[in-house]
Amino acid sequence: MLAGVPWVNREEGRGDRSQGAPYLRLLVHEQCTALLPMTEIQQVLVLLPQQLTAIPNMPAMVMGLLNFRNRIVWVLDLAQLLNLEPLPLERSLVTIALLQTPKGDLGLALRQVRGIVRLPQEAIQSPVGTVNAALVPYLKGCCHLGAEILFILDGAAIAEGALKAIAKGSDAGVPAVDVG
């Protein structure tokens, strides 16, 4: 149990499956914790920043490309995508959650993975009116954990936003590459 809330289970997969769907708990920013459905996550990687290939003329949120299992994957700074302070550039390691979306694979760079929680569908609320309107397109919902609001991210919407950001960057002379 977490902070007295009975519907959250931190026991990474050992809990009763009837307690809800599993979500990966992510630290996106020092004041922003988000959940990503485990069904959308392919893998979590911890890499040296030098393993990403920077691409010129891209929006700041585009950290670069990653060659993962002979596939090219765009990697974005999730905090910047959500209009938060970017990841510090001096980090010695970068944590990347690889998403599987209808648009293809996408890497989301974040500060830290904080485990797995289970959340029943009835605990998910509409984010409209609760969070900044700029975040709503990237969310499936939100839930309250004590005084903290956890954002439930929508991988497909994030991939769509990423494609738009990459396409805008390609208007500067760099050809757009499909996320998949």
N, C-alpha and C. Protein backbone atom coordinates (compact mmCIF):
# COMPACT_ATOMS: atom_id res chain seq x y z
N MET A 1 0.84 -1.19 0.00
CA MET A 1 0.00 0.00 0.00
C MET A 1 0.88 1.25 0.00
N LEU A 2 0.41 2.30 -0.59
CA LEU A 2 1.18 3.51 -0.72
C LEU A 2 0.42 4.68 -0.10
N ALA A 3 1.00 5.29 0.90
CA ALA A 3 0.44 6.48 1.54
C ALA A 3 -1.03 6.31 1.91
N GLY A 4 -1.40 5.13 2.38
CA GLY A 4 -2.76 4.91 2.85
C GLY A 4 -3.81 4.79 1.77
N VAL A 5 -3.40 4.74 0.51
CA VAL A 5 -4.37 4.62 -0.58
C VAL A 5 -4.47 3.15 -0.94
N PRO A 6 -5.63 2.51 -0.72
CA PRO A 6 -5.73 1.07 -0.88
C PRO A 6 -5.65 0.58 -2.32
N TRP A 7 -5.88 1.43 -3.33
CA TRP A 7 -5.90 0.95 -4.70
C TRP A 7 -4.55 0.95 -5.37
N VAL A 8 -3.50 1.40 -4.68
CA VAL A 8 -2.17 1.41 -5.27
C VAL A 8 -1.34 0.32 -4.64
N ASN A 9 -0.64 -0.45 -5.46
CA ASN A 9 0.18 -1.55 -4.99
C ASN A 9 1.58 -1.40 -5.56
N ARG A 10 2.58 -1.26 -4.72
CA ARG A 10 3.95 -1.07 -5.18
C ARG A 10 4.69 -2.39 -5.32
N GLU A 11 4.08 -3.49 -5.05
CA GLU A 11 4.79 -4.76 -5.06
C GLU A 11 4.94 -5.29 -6.47
N GLU A 12 5.72 -4.70 -7.25
CA GLU A 12 6.00 -4.99 -8.64
C GLU A 12 5.52 -6.34 -9.15
N GLY A 13 4.24 -6.44 -9.43
CA GLY A 13 3.70 -7.62 -10.05
C GLY A 13 3.34 -8.73 -9.10
N ARG A 14 3.65 -8.60 -7.81
CA ARG A 14 3.37 -9.67 -6.87
C ARG A 14 1.98 -9.56 -6.27
N GLY A 15 1.33 -8.41 -6.50
CA GLY A 15 0.01 -8.18 -5.90
C GLY A 15 -1.09 -8.90 -6.63
N ASP A 16 -2.26 -8.81 -6.09
CA ASP A 16 -3.46 -9.42 -6.67
C ASP A 16 -3.84 -8.66 -7.94
N ARG A 17 -3.97 -9.36 -9.05
CA ARG A 17 -4.28 -8.73 -10.34
C ARG A 17 -5.64 -8.05 -10.34
N SER A 18 -6.51 -8.41 -9.41
CA SER A 18 -7.83 -7.78 -9.37
C SER A 18 -7.75 -6.34 -8.87
N GLN A 19 -6.57 -5.92 -8.40
CA GLN A 19 -6.42 -4.55 -7.91
C GLN A 19 -6.29 -3.53 -9.02
N GLY A 20 -6.22 -3.96 -10.26
CA GLY A 20 -6.18 -3.01 -11.35
C GLY A 20 -5.08 -3.29 -12.35
N ALA A 21 -5.06 -2.46 -13.38
CA ALA A 21 -4.08 -2.60 -14.46
C ALA A 21 -2.72 -2.07 -14.00
N PRO A 22 -1.62 -2.67 -14.48
CA PRO A 22 -0.29 -2.21 -14.08
C PRO A 22 0.17 -0.99 -14.88
N TYR A 23 0.81 -0.07 -14.18
CA TYR A 23 1.37 1.15 -14.76
C TYR A 23 2.80 1.31 -14.27
N LEU A 24 3.66 1.79 -15.14
CA LEU A 24 5.02 2.13 -14.76
C LEU A 24 4.99 3.55 -14.19
N ARG A 25 5.53 3.71 -13.01
CA ARG A 25 5.53 5.02 -12.36
C ARG A 25 6.83 5.74 -12.71
N LEU A 26 6.72 6.92 -13.32
CA LEU A 26 7.85 7.66 -13.85
C LEU A 26 8.02 9.00 -13.16
N LEU A 27 9.25 9.36 -12.86
CA LEU A 27 9.55 10.71 -12.41
C LEU A 27 9.94 11.50 -13.65
N VAL A 28 9.04 12.36 -14.09
CA VAL A 28 9.25 13.15 -15.30
C VAL A 28 10.01 14.42 -14.96
N HIS A 29 9.67 15.01 -13.84
CA HIS A 29 10.24 16.26 -13.35
C HIS A 29 10.21 16.17 -11.84
N GLU A 30 10.97 17.00 -11.16
CA GLU A 30 11.01 16.91 -9.70
C GLU A 30 9.63 17.02 -9.05
N GLN A 31 8.72 17.76 -9.67
CA GLN A 31 7.36 17.88 -9.13
C GLN A 31 6.31 17.19 -10.00
N CYS A 32 6.72 16.29 -10.87
CA CYS A 32 5.77 15.66 -11.78
C CYS A 32 6.02 14.16 -11.87
N THR A 33 5.08 13.40 -11.35
CA THR A 33 5.11 11.95 -11.47
C THR A 33 4.00 11.54 -12.42
N ALA A 34 4.33 10.63 -13.31
CA ALA A 34 3.35 10.17 -14.30
C ALA A 34 3.30 8.65 -14.31
N LEU A 35 2.19 8.14 -14.81
CA LEU A 35 2.01 6.70 -14.98
C LEU A 35 1.87 6.41 -16.46
N LEU A 36 2.47 5.32 -16.90
CA LEU A 36 2.37 4.89 -18.29
C LEU A 36 1.90 3.44 -18.28
N PRO A 37 0.82 3.13 -19.01
CA PRO A 37 0.32 1.75 -19.01
C PRO A 37 1.41 0.77 -19.46
N MET A 38 1.57 -0.31 -18.70
CA MET A 38 2.59 -1.31 -19.02
C MET A 38 2.35 -1.92 -20.40
N THR A 39 1.10 -1.92 -20.86
CA THR A 39 0.80 -2.48 -22.18
C THR A 39 1.41 -1.66 -23.31
N GLU A 40 1.80 -0.41 -23.04
CA GLU A 40 2.39 0.45 -24.07
C GLU A 40 3.91 0.45 -24.03
N ILE A 41 4.50 -0.17 -23.01
CA ILE A 41 5.95 -0.13 -22.84
C ILE A 41 6.58 -1.40 -23.36
N GLN A 42 7.57 -1.21 -24.21
CA GLN A 42 8.32 -2.34 -24.74
C GLN A 42 9.47 -2.70 -23.81
N GLN A 43 10.20 -1.67 -23.33
CA GLN A 43 11.38 -1.90 -22.52
C GLN A 43 11.81 -0.57 -21.91
N VAL A 44 12.58 -0.65 -20.82
CA VAL A 44 13.21 0.53 -20.24
C VAL A 44 14.72 0.34 -20.35
N LEU A 45 15.39 1.36 -20.87
CA LEU A 45 16.83 1.32 -21.06
C LEU A 45 17.50 2.40 -20.23
N VAL A 46 18.72 2.14 -19.78
CA VAL A 46 19.55 3.15 -19.15
C VAL A 46 20.82 3.22 -19.99
N LEU A 47 21.04 4.37 -20.62
CA LEU A 47 22.11 4.51 -21.61
C LEU A 47 23.00 5.71 -21.31
N LEU A 48 24.19 5.69 -21.88
CA LEU A 48 25.04 6.87 -21.89
C LEU A 48 24.47 7.86 -22.89
N PRO A 49 24.51 9.15 -22.61
CA PRO A 49 23.99 10.13 -23.57
C PRO A 49 24.66 10.03 -24.95
N GLN A 50 25.92 9.57 -24.98
CA GLN A 50 26.65 9.46 -26.24
C GLN A 50 26.06 8.38 -27.15
N GLN A 51 25.20 7.53 -26.63
CA GLN A 51 24.58 6.49 -27.45
C GLN A 51 23.42 7.02 -28.29
N LEU A 52 23.05 8.28 -28.05
CA LEU A 52 22.03 8.93 -28.86
C LEU A 52 22.72 9.77 -29.93
N THR A 53 22.20 9.72 -31.14
CA THR A 53 22.74 10.52 -32.23
C THR A 53 21.90 11.78 -32.36
N ALA A 54 22.52 12.92 -32.05
CA ALA A 54 21.81 14.20 -32.13
C ALA A 54 21.52 14.53 -33.59
N ILE A 55 20.37 15.15 -33.83
CA ILE A 55 19.95 15.54 -35.17
C ILE A 55 19.81 17.06 -35.19
N PRO A 56 20.53 17.75 -36.09
CA PRO A 56 20.43 19.21 -36.13
C PRO A 56 19.06 19.68 -36.61
N ASN A 57 18.74 20.91 -36.27
CA ASN A 57 17.51 21.59 -36.71
C ASN A 57 16.24 20.92 -36.21
N MET A 58 16.30 20.27 -35.09
CA MET A 58 15.13 19.64 -34.48
C MET A 58 14.72 20.46 -33.26
N PRO A 59 13.47 20.37 -32.87
CA PRO A 59 13.06 21.04 -31.63
C PRO A 59 13.89 20.52 -30.45
N ALA A 60 14.02 21.35 -29.42
CA ALA A 60 14.86 21.01 -28.27
C ALA A 60 14.42 19.71 -27.60
N MET A 61 13.14 19.38 -27.67
CA MET A 61 12.66 18.15 -27.01
C MET A 61 13.16 16.88 -27.69
N VAL A 62 13.63 16.98 -28.93
CA VAL A 62 14.15 15.81 -29.65
C VAL A 62 15.61 15.62 -29.25
N MET A 63 15.86 14.60 -28.45
CA MET A 63 17.22 14.34 -27.97
C MET A 63 18.07 13.67 -29.03
N GLY A 64 17.43 12.94 -29.95
CA GLY A 64 18.18 12.30 -31.02
C GLY A 64 17.59 10.96 -31.41
N LEU A 65 18.42 10.18 -32.08
CA LEU A 65 18.02 8.86 -32.55
C LEU A 65 18.81 7.79 -31.81
N LEU A 66 18.18 6.65 -31.65
CA LEU A 66 18.80 5.50 -30.99
C LEU A 66 18.67 4.30 -31.91
N ASN A 67 19.77 3.58 -32.11
CA ASN A 67 19.73 2.33 -32.85
C ASN A 67 19.47 1.23 -31.83
N PHE A 68 18.25 0.73 -31.82
CA PHE A 68 17.86 -0.30 -30.84
C PHE A 68 17.42 -1.55 -31.60
N ARG A 69 18.20 -2.60 -31.46
CA ARG A 69 17.89 -3.87 -32.13
C ARG A 69 17.69 -3.67 -33.63
N ASN A 70 18.60 -2.92 -34.22
CA ASN A 70 18.59 -2.64 -35.66
C ASN A 70 17.36 -1.86 -36.12
N ARG A 71 16.75 -1.13 -35.22
CA ARG A 71 15.65 -0.22 -35.57
C ARG A 71 16.06 1.18 -35.09
N ILE A 72 15.71 2.17 -35.87
CA ILE A 72 15.99 3.55 -35.49
C ILE A 72 14.78 4.08 -34.73
N VAL A 73 15.04 4.60 -33.53
CA VAL A 73 13.97 5.08 -32.65
C VAL A 73 14.26 6.54 -32.28
N TRP A 74 13.28 7.41 -32.46
CA TRP A 74 13.38 8.79 -31.99
C TRP A 74 13.32 8.78 -30.47
N VAL A 75 14.14 9.62 -29.82
CA VAL A 75 14.12 9.76 -28.37
C VAL A 75 13.79 11.21 -28.04
N LEU A 76 12.75 11.40 -27.23
CA LEU A 76 12.30 12.74 -26.83
C LEU A 76 12.48 12.93 -25.34
N ASP A 77 12.71 14.16 -24.94
CA ASP A 77 12.72 14.53 -23.53
C ASP A 77 11.25 14.69 -23.13
N LEU A 78 10.74 13.74 -22.36
CA LEU A 78 9.32 13.75 -21.98
C LEU A 78 8.95 15.02 -21.23
N ALA A 79 9.83 15.51 -20.37
CA ALA A 79 9.53 16.74 -19.62
C ALA A 79 9.31 17.92 -20.57
N GLN A 80 10.16 18.07 -21.57
CA GLN A 80 9.99 19.17 -22.52
C GLN A 80 8.72 19.02 -23.33
N LEU A 81 8.39 17.80 -23.71
CA LEU A 81 7.15 17.57 -24.46
C LEU A 81 5.94 18.04 -23.65
N LEU A 82 6.02 17.87 -22.33
CA LEU A 82 4.93 18.27 -21.44
C LEU A 82 5.10 19.70 -20.93
N ASN A 83 5.98 20.48 -21.58
CA ASN A 83 6.25 21.88 -21.23
C ASN A 83 6.78 22.05 -19.81
N LEU A 84 7.63 21.12 -19.39
CA LEU A 84 8.30 21.21 -18.10
C LEU A 84 9.78 21.47 -18.34
N GLU A 85 10.51 21.71 -17.26
CA GLU A 85 11.95 21.94 -17.35
C GLU A 85 12.64 20.71 -17.96
N PRO A 86 13.55 20.92 -18.92
CA PRO A 86 14.20 19.77 -19.58
C PRO A 86 15.10 18.98 -18.64
N LEU A 87 15.44 17.78 -19.08
CA LEU A 87 16.41 16.96 -18.35
C LEU A 87 17.74 17.71 -18.31
N PRO A 88 18.47 17.63 -17.20
CA PRO A 88 19.80 18.26 -17.16
C PRO A 88 20.72 17.62 -18.20
N LEU A 89 21.44 18.43 -18.95
CA LEU A 89 22.31 17.93 -20.01
C LEU A 89 23.54 17.22 -19.46
N GLU A 90 23.91 17.50 -18.22
CA GLU A 90 25.13 16.91 -17.65
C GLU A 90 24.91 15.52 -17.05
N ARG A 91 23.77 14.92 -17.27
CA ARG A 91 23.48 13.59 -16.73
C ARG A 91 24.48 12.58 -17.29
N SER A 92 24.95 11.68 -16.42
CA SER A 92 25.89 10.65 -16.87
C SER A 92 25.16 9.49 -17.53
N LEU A 93 23.90 9.27 -17.16
CA LEU A 93 23.08 8.21 -17.75
C LEU A 93 21.69 8.76 -18.05
N VAL A 94 21.06 8.23 -19.09
CA VAL A 94 19.72 8.65 -19.47
C VAL A 94 18.80 7.43 -19.39
N THR A 95 17.68 7.57 -18.67
CA THR A 95 16.68 6.51 -18.60
C THR A 95 15.67 6.75 -19.71
N ILE A 96 15.42 5.71 -20.51
CA ILE A 96 14.53 5.82 -21.66
C ILE A 96 13.48 4.72 -21.60
N ALA A 97 12.21 5.12 -21.63
CA ALA A 97 11.12 4.15 -21.74
C ALA A 97 10.77 4.03 -23.22
N LEU A 98 10.89 2.83 -23.75
CA LEU A 98 10.54 2.60 -25.16
C LEU A 98 9.07 2.24 -25.26
N LEU A 99 8.33 3.06 -25.99
CA LEU A 99 6.90 2.85 -26.17
C LEU A 99 6.63 2.10 -27.47
N GLN A 100 5.58 1.29 -27.44
CA GLN A 100 5.03 0.70 -28.66
C GLN A 100 3.69 1.37 -28.88
N THR A 101 3.57 2.11 -29.98
CA THR A 101 2.33 2.82 -30.28
C THR A 101 1.88 2.46 -31.69
N PRO A 102 0.64 2.80 -32.04
CA PRO A 102 0.20 2.56 -33.42
C PRO A 102 1.07 3.28 -34.46
N LYS A 103 1.73 4.37 -34.06
CA LYS A 103 2.60 5.12 -34.97
C LYS A 103 4.01 4.53 -35.03
N GLY A 104 4.32 3.57 -34.17
CA GLY A 104 5.65 2.97 -34.14
C GLY A 104 6.30 3.13 -32.78
N ASP A 105 7.57 2.75 -32.71
CA ASP A 105 8.31 2.82 -31.45
C ASP A 105 8.81 4.25 -31.21
N LEU A 106 8.88 4.63 -29.95
CA LEU A 106 9.31 5.96 -29.55
C LEU A 106 9.99 5.86 -28.20
N GLY A 107 11.12 6.54 -28.03
CA GLY A 107 11.82 6.57 -26.75
C GLY A 107 11.50 7.84 -26.00
N LEU A 108 11.15 7.69 -24.72
CA LEU A 108 10.88 8.84 -23.86
C LEU A 108 11.94 8.91 -22.78
N ALA A 109 12.76 9.95 -22.81
CA ALA A 109 13.78 10.14 -21.79
C ALA A 109 13.13 10.77 -20.57
N LEU A 110 13.49 10.25 -19.40
CA LEU A 110 12.89 10.73 -18.15
C LEU A 110 13.91 10.69 -17.03
N ARG A 111 13.56 11.23 -15.89
CA ARG A 111 14.50 11.28 -14.78
C ARG A 111 14.70 9.92 -14.12
N GLN A 112 13.62 9.20 -13.87
CA GLN A 112 13.75 7.97 -13.10
C GLN A 112 12.48 7.12 -13.22
N VAL A 113 12.65 5.81 -13.14
CA VAL A 113 11.51 4.90 -13.02
C VAL A 113 11.36 4.61 -11.54
N ARG A 114 10.14 4.74 -11.04
CA ARG A 114 9.89 4.58 -9.61
C ARG A 114 9.06 3.34 -9.29
N GLY A 115 9.08 2.36 -10.16
CA GLY A 115 8.38 1.12 -9.87
C GLY A 115 7.08 0.97 -10.64
N ILE A 116 6.32 -0.01 -10.20
CA ILE A 116 5.06 -0.35 -10.85
C ILE A 116 3.93 -0.20 -9.83
N VAL A 117 2.82 0.38 -10.27
CA VAL A 117 1.62 0.47 -9.42
C VAL A 117 0.46 -0.13 -10.18
N ARG A 118 -0.53 -0.58 -9.45
CA ARG A 118 -1.77 -1.10 -10.05
C ARG A 118 -2.87 -0.11 -9.73
N LEU A 119 -3.71 0.12 -10.72
CA LEU A 119 -4.73 1.15 -10.59
C LEU A 119 -6.01 0.65 -11.24
N PRO A 120 -7.11 0.57 -10.48
CA PRO A 120 -8.37 0.17 -11.10
C PRO A 120 -8.93 1.31 -11.96
N GLN A 121 -9.68 0.96 -12.96
CA GLN A 121 -10.23 1.92 -13.91
C GLN A 121 -11.04 3.01 -13.20
N GLU A 122 -11.78 2.66 -12.15
CA GLU A 122 -12.63 3.65 -11.47
C GLU A 122 -11.83 4.72 -10.72
N ALA A 123 -10.53 4.50 -10.51
CA ALA A 123 -9.70 5.51 -9.85
C ALA A 123 -9.22 6.59 -10.81
N ILE A 124 -9.39 6.35 -12.11
CA ILE A 124 -8.93 7.30 -13.13
C ILE A 124 -10.01 8.35 -13.36
N GLN A 125 -9.59 9.61 -13.27
CA GLN A 125 -10.50 10.74 -13.45
C GLN A 125 -10.13 11.51 -14.71
N SER A 126 -11.05 12.30 -15.19
CA SER A 126 -10.77 13.16 -16.33
C SER A 126 -9.75 14.22 -15.91
N PRO A 127 -8.78 14.51 -16.78
CA PRO A 127 -7.80 15.54 -16.43
C PRO A 127 -8.32 16.96 -16.67
N VAL A 128 -9.41 17.11 -17.40
CA VAL A 128 -9.95 18.43 -17.74
C VAL A 128 -10.34 19.17 -16.47
N GLY A 129 -9.82 20.36 -16.30
CA GLY A 129 -10.11 21.17 -15.13
C GLY A 129 -9.23 20.85 -13.93
N THR A 130 -8.50 19.75 -13.99
CA THR A 130 -7.63 19.35 -12.87
C THR A 130 -6.18 19.73 -13.14
N VAL A 131 -5.76 19.62 -14.41
CA VAL A 131 -4.38 19.90 -14.78
C VAL A 131 -4.34 21.00 -15.84
N ASN A 132 -3.15 21.49 -16.10
CA ASN A 132 -2.93 22.50 -17.12
C ASN A 132 -3.50 22.00 -18.45
N ALA A 133 -4.26 22.84 -19.13
CA ALA A 133 -4.92 22.45 -20.38
C ALA A 133 -3.93 22.00 -21.45
N ALA A 134 -2.69 22.49 -21.41
CA ALA A 134 -1.69 22.09 -22.40
C ALA A 134 -1.30 20.62 -22.26
N LEU A 135 -1.49 20.04 -21.07
CA LEU A 135 -1.15 18.64 -20.84
C LEU A 135 -2.24 17.68 -21.28
N VAL A 136 -3.47 18.13 -21.30
CA VAL A 136 -4.64 17.27 -21.52
C VAL A 136 -4.52 16.41 -22.78
N PRO A 137 -4.02 16.92 -23.92
CA PRO A 137 -3.96 16.06 -25.12
C PRO A 137 -3.07 14.83 -24.95
N TYR A 138 -2.14 14.86 -24.01
CA TYR A 138 -1.20 13.76 -23.82
C TYR A 138 -1.62 12.81 -22.70
N LEU A 139 -2.79 13.02 -22.13
CA LEU A 139 -3.22 12.24 -20.96
C LEU A 139 -4.45 11.39 -21.25
N LYS A 140 -4.47 10.20 -20.63
CA LYS A 140 -5.68 9.37 -20.61
C LYS A 140 -6.53 9.75 -19.42
N GLY A 141 -5.89 10.36 -18.43
CA GLY A 141 -6.59 10.76 -17.22
C GLY A 141 -5.58 11.12 -16.15
N CYS A 142 -6.08 11.21 -14.93
CA CYS A 142 -5.21 11.47 -13.79
C CYS A 142 -5.82 10.80 -12.57
N CYS A 143 -5.04 10.67 -11.53
CA CYS A 143 -5.57 10.14 -10.28
C CYS A 143 -4.87 10.86 -9.13
N HIS A 144 -5.53 10.92 -8.02
CA HIS A 144 -4.99 11.60 -6.85
C HIS A 144 -4.38 10.58 -5.91
N LEU A 145 -3.19 10.88 -5.43
CA LEU A 145 -2.50 10.06 -4.45
C LEU A 145 -2.12 10.99 -3.32
N GLY A 146 -2.98 11.08 -2.32
CA GLY A 146 -2.78 12.06 -1.27
C GLY A 146 -2.91 13.45 -1.88
N ALA A 147 -1.89 14.29 -1.68
CA ALA A 147 -1.90 15.63 -2.25
C ALA A 147 -1.33 15.65 -3.67
N GLU A 148 -0.75 14.53 -4.09
CA GLU A 148 -0.11 14.45 -5.40
C GLU A 148 -1.11 14.04 -6.49
N ILE A 149 -0.97 14.65 -7.66
CA ILE A 149 -1.75 14.25 -8.83
C ILE A 149 -0.82 13.47 -9.75
N LEU A 150 -1.21 12.24 -10.07
CA LEU A 150 -0.44 11.42 -11.00
C LEU A 150 -1.08 11.51 -12.37
N PHE A 151 -0.29 11.86 -13.37
CA PHE A 151 -0.78 11.94 -14.74
C PHE A 151 -0.71 10.56 -15.37
N ILE A 152 -1.76 10.13 -16.03
CA ILE A 152 -1.76 8.86 -16.75
C ILE A 152 -1.57 9.20 -18.22
N LEU A 153 -0.38 8.89 -18.72
CA LEU A 153 0.01 9.28 -20.07
C LEU A 153 -0.64 8.41 -21.13
N ASP A 154 -0.84 8.99 -22.29
CA ASP A 154 -1.39 8.31 -23.46
C ASP A 154 -0.27 8.18 -24.49
N GLY A 155 0.31 6.99 -24.61
CA GLY A 155 1.44 6.78 -25.51
C GLY A 155 1.14 7.14 -26.95
N ALA A 156 -0.05 6.81 -27.44
CA ALA A 156 -0.41 7.12 -28.83
C ALA A 156 -0.47 8.63 -29.04
N ALA A 157 -1.02 9.37 -28.09
CA ALA A 157 -1.09 10.83 -28.21
C ALA A 157 0.31 11.45 -28.13
N ILE A 158 1.17 10.89 -27.30
CA ILE A 158 2.54 11.38 -27.20
C ILE A 158 3.27 11.14 -28.52
N ALA A 159 3.09 9.95 -29.12
CA ALA A 159 3.71 9.66 -30.41
C ALA A 159 3.22 10.62 -31.49
N GLU A 160 1.93 10.92 -31.47
CA GLU A 160 1.36 11.87 -32.44
C GLU A 160 1.98 13.25 -32.25
N GLY A 161 2.10 13.71 -30.99
CA GLY A 161 2.74 14.99 -30.71
C GLY A 161 4.20 15.00 -31.13
N ALA A 162 4.87 13.86 -30.94
CA ALA A 162 6.27 13.75 -31.34
C ALA A 162 6.41 13.87 -32.85
N LEU A 163 5.54 13.19 -33.58
CA LEU A 163 5.59 13.27 -35.04
C LEU A 163 5.40 14.71 -35.52
N LYS A 164 4.50 15.43 -34.89
CA LYS A 164 4.27 16.83 -35.26
C LYS A 164 5.52 17.66 -34.98
N ALA A 165 6.16 17.44 -33.81
CA ALA A 165 7.37 18.18 -33.45
C ALA A 165 8.50 17.86 -34.41
N ILE A 166 8.64 16.59 -34.76
CA ILE A 166 9.70 16.18 -35.68
C ILE A 166 9.44 16.75 -37.07
N ALA A 167 8.19 16.74 -37.51
CA ALA A 167 7.85 17.30 -38.82
C ALA A 167 8.14 18.80 -38.86
N LYS A 168 7.86 19.52 -37.76
CA LYS A 168 8.18 20.95 -37.71
C LYS A 168 9.68 21.15 -37.83
N GLY A 169 10.45 20.29 -37.16
CA GLY A 169 11.90 20.38 -37.26
C GLY A 169 12.38 20.08 -38.66
N SER A 170 11.70 19.16 -39.35
CA SER A 170 12.12 18.81 -40.70
C SER A 170 11.80 19.92 -41.69
N ASP A 171 10.91 20.85 -41.32
CA ASP A 171 10.63 22.00 -42.19
C ASP A 171 11.88 22.87 -42.34
N ALA A 172 12.83 22.71 -41.40
CA ALA A 172 14.05 23.49 -41.45
C ALA A 172 15.09 22.85 -42.37
N GLY A 173 14.72 21.83 -43.11
CA GLY A 173 15.64 21.24 -44.07
C GLY A 173 16.04 19.81 -43.76
N VAL A 174 15.61 19.26 -42.66
CA VAL A 174 15.94 17.89 -42.31
C VAL A 174 14.74 17.02 -42.66
N PRO A 175 14.92 15.96 -43.46
CA PRO A 175 13.77 15.14 -43.83
C PRO A 175 13.15 14.45 -42.63
N ALA A 176 11.83 14.37 -42.62
CA ALA A 176 11.12 13.69 -41.54
C ALA A 176 11.33 12.19 -41.68
N VAL A 177 11.45 11.52 -40.55
CA VAL A 177 11.61 10.07 -40.51
C VAL A 177 10.45 9.51 -39.74
N ASP A 178 9.82 8.46 -40.25
CA ASP A 178 8.71 7.82 -39.55
C ASP A 178 9.20 7.32 -38.20
N VAL A 179 8.39 7.47 -37.16
CA VAL A 179 8.75 7.03 -35.82
C VAL A 179 8.97 5.52 -35.82
N GLY A 180 8.27 4.77 -36.66
CA GLY A 180 8.34 3.31 -36.64
C GLY A 180 9.41 2.72 -37.46
